[in-house]
Amino acid sequence: MKNAIIYVIVFFAIQCGVSFGVSGLWRMITGSPDITTMMLVVTMALSGAITIAVFLLARWCVVSRSYVRSKPWAVLTWSVVAAAGAIVPSVWLQEQMPELPNLMTGEFSAILGDRWGYFAVGLLAPVAEELVFRGAVLRSLLGWTSRHWAAIAVSAVLFAIVHGNPAQAPHALLVGLLLGWMYYRTGSVVPGVAYHWANNTIAYVLYNIMPDPDARLIDIFRGDQTAVWLSLLFSLCILAPALLQLNLRMKKAKSQ
């Protein structure tokens, strides 16, 4: 448990340190205190890159080729399918809850709206967060307790908290539980990275193609509640088989 807390603190410290460092350097170079989109993208990308480097060099997460060598292509495919099927149910569940404050609307809008933002959100963030919260934090918690679901739950809560945005917390918590289960079953962060990449990529694409990225489902379907229910049912018909297939196919590599 102690190590898991240390990993989270280090992760948070990297985010804060990079943010202060980039903003300070940006002001020195430009002479302006204004926060720009490029500054946000650079901060997020650099935070992800440094996090990956620190956790790999410190060997806080175990990286092995054995899982990839087991050719888990079906698991990776179903991970992506599950991510696609979970989007609408997650949005619908969040809409049923009391509205939570969105503390990072401007920042995320700027990053998601920038073409270079995908490099940070869609590529670096999935790898960095899976290495930290599944490869290091959850691995440590699984060694601390024999109750794997307790370890998965704690890691998911930490994952939700570290996002630092109440509006994101419900989705991050649910995704954290799913990703924790995937790590527990496979002993690898690779399926989680695939799911995380698909989730973030879909969010990025939807943000850039929808007229109003913050629209509710009922608004997207122009007030047609039946269409909302059908979209939810259709998504569940994608998500449920994907989870079933993952449950049947996920296993640890023999050499692990």
Protein backbone atom coordinates (compact mmCIF):
# COMPACT_ATOMS: atom_id res chain seq x y z
CA MET A 1 0.00 0.00 0.00
CA LYS A 2 2.85 2.35 0.86
CA ASN A 3 4.47 1.87 -2.53
CA ALA A 4 1.16 2.49 -4.32
CA ILE A 5 0.79 5.84 -2.53
CA ILE A 6 4.38 6.75 -3.41
CA TYR A 7 3.72 5.99 -7.09
CA VAL A 8 0.66 8.24 -7.11
CA ILE A 9 2.56 11.05 -5.37
CA VAL A 10 5.40 10.80 -7.89
CA PHE A 11 2.91 10.83 -10.77
CA PHE A 12 1.18 13.91 -9.34
CA ALA A 13 4.52 15.62 -8.66
CA ILE A 14 5.60 15.11 -12.26
CA GLN A 15 2.37 16.66 -13.55
CA CYS A 16 2.71 19.68 -11.23
CA GLY A 17 6.45 20.10 -11.80
CA VAL A 18 6.15 20.00 -15.57
CA SER A 19 3.18 22.38 -15.50
CA PHE A 20 5.02 24.98 -13.42
CA GLY A 21 8.23 24.50 -15.40
CA VAL A 22 6.64 24.86 -18.83
CA SER A 23 4.48 27.84 -17.80
CA GLY A 24 7.51 29.61 -16.31
CA LEU A 25 9.69 28.96 -19.35
CA TRP A 26 6.84 29.98 -21.66
CA ARG A 27 6.51 33.32 -19.88
CA MET A 28 10.25 33.93 -20.11
CA ILE A 29 10.28 33.22 -23.84
CA THR A 30 7.06 35.01 -24.85
CA GLY A 31 6.88 37.62 -22.10
CA SER A 32 3.17 36.88 -21.77
CA PRO A 33 1.36 35.27 -18.79
CA ASP A 34 -1.45 34.04 -21.04
CA ILE A 35 -2.06 30.29 -21.25
CA THR A 36 -2.00 29.13 -24.87
CA THR A 37 -3.14 25.91 -26.50
CA MET A 38 0.41 25.01 -27.52
CA MET A 39 1.58 25.48 -23.94
CA LEU A 40 -1.12 23.09 -22.70
CA VAL A 41 -0.29 20.50 -25.36
CA VAL A 42 3.45 20.71 -24.62
CA THR A 43 2.78 20.40 -20.88
CA MET A 44 0.60 17.32 -21.27
CA ALA A 45 2.92 15.64 -23.77
CA LEU A 46 6.03 16.33 -21.71
CA SER A 47 4.32 15.11 -18.53
CA GLY A 48 3.40 11.86 -20.24
CA ALA A 49 6.87 11.33 -21.69
CA ILE A 50 8.64 12.03 -18.38
CA THR A 51 6.21 9.79 -16.48
CA ILE A 52 6.88 6.91 -18.87
CA ALA A 53 10.65 7.41 -18.60
CA VAL A 54 10.69 7.68 -14.79
CA PHE A 55 8.52 4.63 -14.14
CA LEU A 56 10.42 2.49 -16.65
CA LEU A 57 13.89 3.57 -15.52
CA ALA A 58 12.96 3.12 -11.86
CA ARG A 59 11.51 -0.31 -12.74
CA TRP A 60 8.34 0.48 -10.81
CA CYS A 61 6.34 -1.34 -13.47
CA VAL A 62 7.29 -4.67 -14.98
CA VAL A 63 7.65 -4.55 -18.75
CA SER A 64 7.90 -7.87 -20.53
CA ARG A 65 7.54 -9.01 -24.13
CA SER A 66 6.04 -12.32 -23.07
CA TYR A 67 2.44 -11.14 -23.28
CA VAL A 68 2.81 -9.70 -26.78
CA ARG A 69 4.67 -12.84 -27.84
CA SER A 70 1.60 -14.86 -26.83
CA LYS A 71 -0.16 -13.14 -29.79
CA PRO A 72 -3.19 -11.76 -27.89
CA TRP A 73 -4.63 -10.11 -31.01
CA ALA A 74 -8.21 -11.18 -30.24
CA VAL A 75 -7.98 -9.69 -26.74
CA LEU A 76 -6.62 -6.42 -28.08
CA THR A 77 -9.35 -6.28 -30.73
CA TRP A 78 -12.11 -6.90 -28.21
CA SER A 79 -10.55 -4.30 -25.91
CA VAL A 80 -10.99 -1.69 -28.64
CA VAL A 81 -14.54 -2.90 -29.35
CA ALA A 82 -15.39 -2.68 -25.64
CA ALA A 83 -14.12 0.90 -25.51
CA ALA A 84 -16.34 1.83 -28.45
CA GLY A 85 -19.37 0.17 -26.89
CA ALA A 86 -18.84 1.85 -23.51
CA ILE A 87 -18.99 5.47 -24.70
CA VAL A 88 -22.78 5.97 -24.87
CA PRO A 89 -23.57 3.96 -21.68
CA SER A 90 -20.95 5.97 -19.80
CA VAL A 91 -22.34 9.28 -21.04
CA TRP A 92 -25.89 8.17 -20.23
CA LEU A 93 -24.96 7.11 -16.69
CA GLN A 94 -23.20 10.41 -16.09
CA GLU A 95 -26.26 12.33 -17.28
CA GLN A 96 -28.40 10.52 -14.68
CA MET A 97 -26.16 11.76 -11.89
CA PRO A 98 -26.20 15.21 -10.28
CA GLU A 99 -24.16 17.60 -12.38
CA LEU A 100 -20.58 17.78 -11.13
CA PRO A 101 -18.33 20.81 -11.58
CA ASN A 102 -16.09 20.68 -14.62
CA LEU A 103 -12.89 22.35 -13.50
CA MET A 104 -10.94 21.76 -16.69
CA THR A 105 -13.38 22.57 -19.49
CA GLY A 106 -11.15 25.20 -21.09
CA GLU A 107 -7.97 23.16 -20.89
CA PHE A 108 -9.44 19.99 -22.37
CA SER A 109 -11.32 21.89 -25.05
CA ALA A 110 -8.08 23.53 -26.14
CA ILE A 111 -6.10 20.27 -26.18
CA LEU A 112 -8.79 18.19 -27.89
CA GLY A 113 -9.35 20.90 -30.47
CA ASP A 114 -5.70 21.00 -31.50
CA ARG A 115 -4.29 18.49 -33.98
CA TRP A 116 -1.13 18.07 -31.89
CA GLY A 117 -3.32 17.44 -28.87
CA TYR A 118 -3.94 13.91 -30.11
CA PHE A 119 -0.26 13.07 -29.63
CA ALA A 120 -0.63 13.89 -25.92
CA VAL A 121 -4.18 12.63 -25.30
CA GLY A 122 -4.39 9.70 -27.67
CA LEU A 123 -0.86 8.31 -27.62
CA LEU A 124 1.20 9.34 -24.60
CA ALA A 125 -1.53 9.55 -21.94
CA PRO A 126 -2.80 5.95 -22.38
CA VAL A 127 0.71 4.51 -22.07
CA ALA A 128 1.73 6.72 -19.13
CA GLU A 129 -1.46 6.19 -17.13
CA GLU A 130 -1.52 2.43 -17.68
CA LEU A 131 2.11 2.07 -16.63
CA VAL A 132 1.42 4.06 -13.46
CA PHE A 133 -2.05 2.96 -12.34
CA ARG A 134 -2.08 -0.63 -13.52
CA GLY A 135 1.59 -1.54 -14.03
CA ALA A 136 2.81 0.07 -10.80
CA VAL A 137 -0.07 1.00 -8.45
CA LEU A 138 -2.34 -1.99 -9.02
CA ARG A 139 0.57 -4.43 -9.20
CA SER A 140 1.70 -3.16 -5.80
CA LEU A 141 -1.81 -3.40 -4.33
CA LEU A 142 -2.28 -6.95 -5.62
CA GLY A 143 0.88 -7.90 -3.77
CA TRP A 144 -0.44 -6.18 -0.63
CA THR A 145 -3.80 -7.97 -0.43
CA SER A 146 -5.18 -11.29 -1.65
CA ARG A 147 -8.56 -9.65 -2.32
CA HIS A 148 -8.01 -8.67 -5.91
CA TRP A 149 -11.27 -6.75 -6.26
CA ALA A 150 -10.34 -4.60 -3.27
CA ALA A 151 -7.01 -3.81 -4.93
CA ILE A 152 -8.74 -3.05 -8.24
CA ALA A 153 -11.27 -0.78 -6.50
CA VAL A 154 -8.59 1.19 -4.66
CA SER A 155 -6.56 1.65 -7.84
CA ALA A 156 -9.70 2.81 -9.70
CA VAL A 157 -10.50 5.36 -6.97
CA LEU A 158 -6.95 6.71 -7.10
CA PHE A 159 -7.18 6.84 -10.90
CA ALA A 160 -10.38 8.89 -10.66
CA ILE A 161 -9.02 11.24 -8.00
CA VAL A 162 -5.77 12.00 -9.80
CA HIS A 163 -7.67 13.27 -12.83
CA GLY A 164 -8.49 16.24 -10.59
CA ASN A 165 -11.83 16.96 -12.23
CA PRO A 166 -15.14 15.98 -10.56
CA ALA A 167 -16.94 15.88 -13.92
CA GLN A 168 -14.53 13.18 -15.15
CA ALA A 169 -14.53 11.15 -11.94
CA PRO A 170 -17.51 8.81 -12.60
CA HIS A 171 -16.23 7.80 -16.05
CA ALA A 172 -12.65 7.47 -14.79
CA LEU A 173 -13.80 5.29 -11.89
CA LEU A 174 -15.75 2.89 -14.11
CA VAL A 175 -12.95 2.72 -16.67
CA GLY A 176 -10.45 2.21 -13.86
CA LEU A 177 -12.39 -0.80 -12.58
CA LEU A 178 -12.53 -2.34 -16.05
CA LEU A 179 -8.85 -1.69 -16.78
CA GLY A 180 -7.91 -3.08 -13.37
CA TRP A 181 -9.82 -6.28 -14.11
CA MET A 182 -8.05 -6.56 -17.46
CA TYR A 183 -4.66 -6.16 -15.83
CA TYR A 184 -5.48 -8.70 -13.12
CA ARG A 185 -6.53 -11.28 -15.71
CA THR A 186 -3.58 -10.77 -18.08
CA GLY A 187 -0.76 -9.50 -15.90
CA SER A 188 0.00 -7.00 -18.68
CA VAL A 189 -0.79 -3.34 -19.34
CA VAL A 190 -1.04 -3.97 -23.10
CA PRO A 191 -4.83 -4.68 -23.22
CA GLY A 192 -5.41 -1.66 -21.00
CA VAL A 193 -3.33 0.54 -23.28
CA ALA A 194 -5.41 -0.67 -26.26
CA TYR A 195 -8.68 0.12 -24.44
CA HIS A 196 -7.36 3.45 -23.12
CA TRP A 197 -6.10 4.44 -26.57
CA ALA A 198 -9.46 3.63 -28.17
CA ASN A 199 -11.37 5.51 -25.45
CA ASN A 200 -9.25 8.64 -25.80
CA THR A 201 -9.17 8.45 -29.59
CA ILE A 202 -12.97 8.23 -29.79
CA ALA A 203 -13.28 11.19 -27.41
CA TYR A 204 -10.86 13.18 -29.56
CA VAL A 205 -12.66 12.36 -32.81
CA LEU A 206 -16.12 13.04 -31.39
CA TYR A 207 -15.00 16.38 -29.99
CA ASN A 208 -13.80 17.46 -33.42
CA ILE A 209 -16.75 16.24 -35.50
CA MET A 210 -19.68 17.17 -33.25
CA PRO A 211 -21.16 20.67 -33.55
CA ASP A 212 -21.49 20.88 -29.76
CA PRO A 213 -19.16 18.49 -27.88
CA ASP A 214 -20.95 19.24 -24.59
CA ALA A 215 -24.42 18.38 -25.90
CA ARG A 216 -26.51 15.87 -23.98
CA LEU A 217 -27.68 12.67 -25.67
CA ILE A 218 -31.24 13.97 -25.93
CA ASP A 219 -29.94 17.06 -27.76
CA ILE A 220 -27.78 15.01 -30.10
CA PHE A 221 -30.88 13.03 -31.12
CA ARG A 222 -32.94 16.22 -31.42
CA GLY A 223 -35.22 15.53 -28.50
CA ASP A 224 -36.10 11.98 -29.56
CA GLN A 225 -35.99 9.91 -26.37
CA THR A 226 -36.66 6.71 -28.33
CA ALA A 227 -33.49 7.33 -30.34
CA VAL A 228 -31.56 7.79 -27.10
CA TRP A 229 -32.81 4.42 -25.78
CA LEU A 230 -32.01 2.74 -29.10
CA SER A 231 -28.48 4.16 -29.13
CA LEU A 232 -27.99 2.92 -25.58
CA LEU A 233 -29.29 -0.53 -26.50
CA PHE A 234 -27.12 -0.65 -29.62
CA SER A 235 -24.03 0.28 -27.59
CA LEU A 236 -24.80 -2.37 -24.98
CA CYS A 237 -25.10 -4.92 -27.78
CA ILE A 238 -21.49 -4.02 -28.62
CA LEU A 239 -20.18 -3.74 -25.06
CA ALA A 240 -21.72 -6.91 -23.60
CA PRO A 241 -20.31 -9.37 -26.20
CA ALA A 242 -16.95 -7.61 -26.03
CA LEU A 243 -16.77 -8.07 -22.25
CA LEU A 244 -17.88 -11.69 -22.63
CA GLN A 245 -15.17 -12.35 -25.19
CA LEU A 246 -12.57 -10.67 -22.99
CA ASN A 247 -13.66 -12.80 -20.05
CA LEU A 248 -13.28 -15.95 -22.15
CA ARG A 249 -9.99 -15.02 -23.80
CA MET A 250 -7.94 -13.06 -21.26
CA LYS A 251 -5.16 -15.00 -19.58
CA LYS A 252 -1.58 -14.49 -18.47
CA ALA A 253 1.26 -15.40 -20.78
CA LYS A 254 2.78 -18.79 -19.90
CA SER A 255 6.22 -17.39 -19.18
CA GLN A 256 4.88 -14.83 -16.68
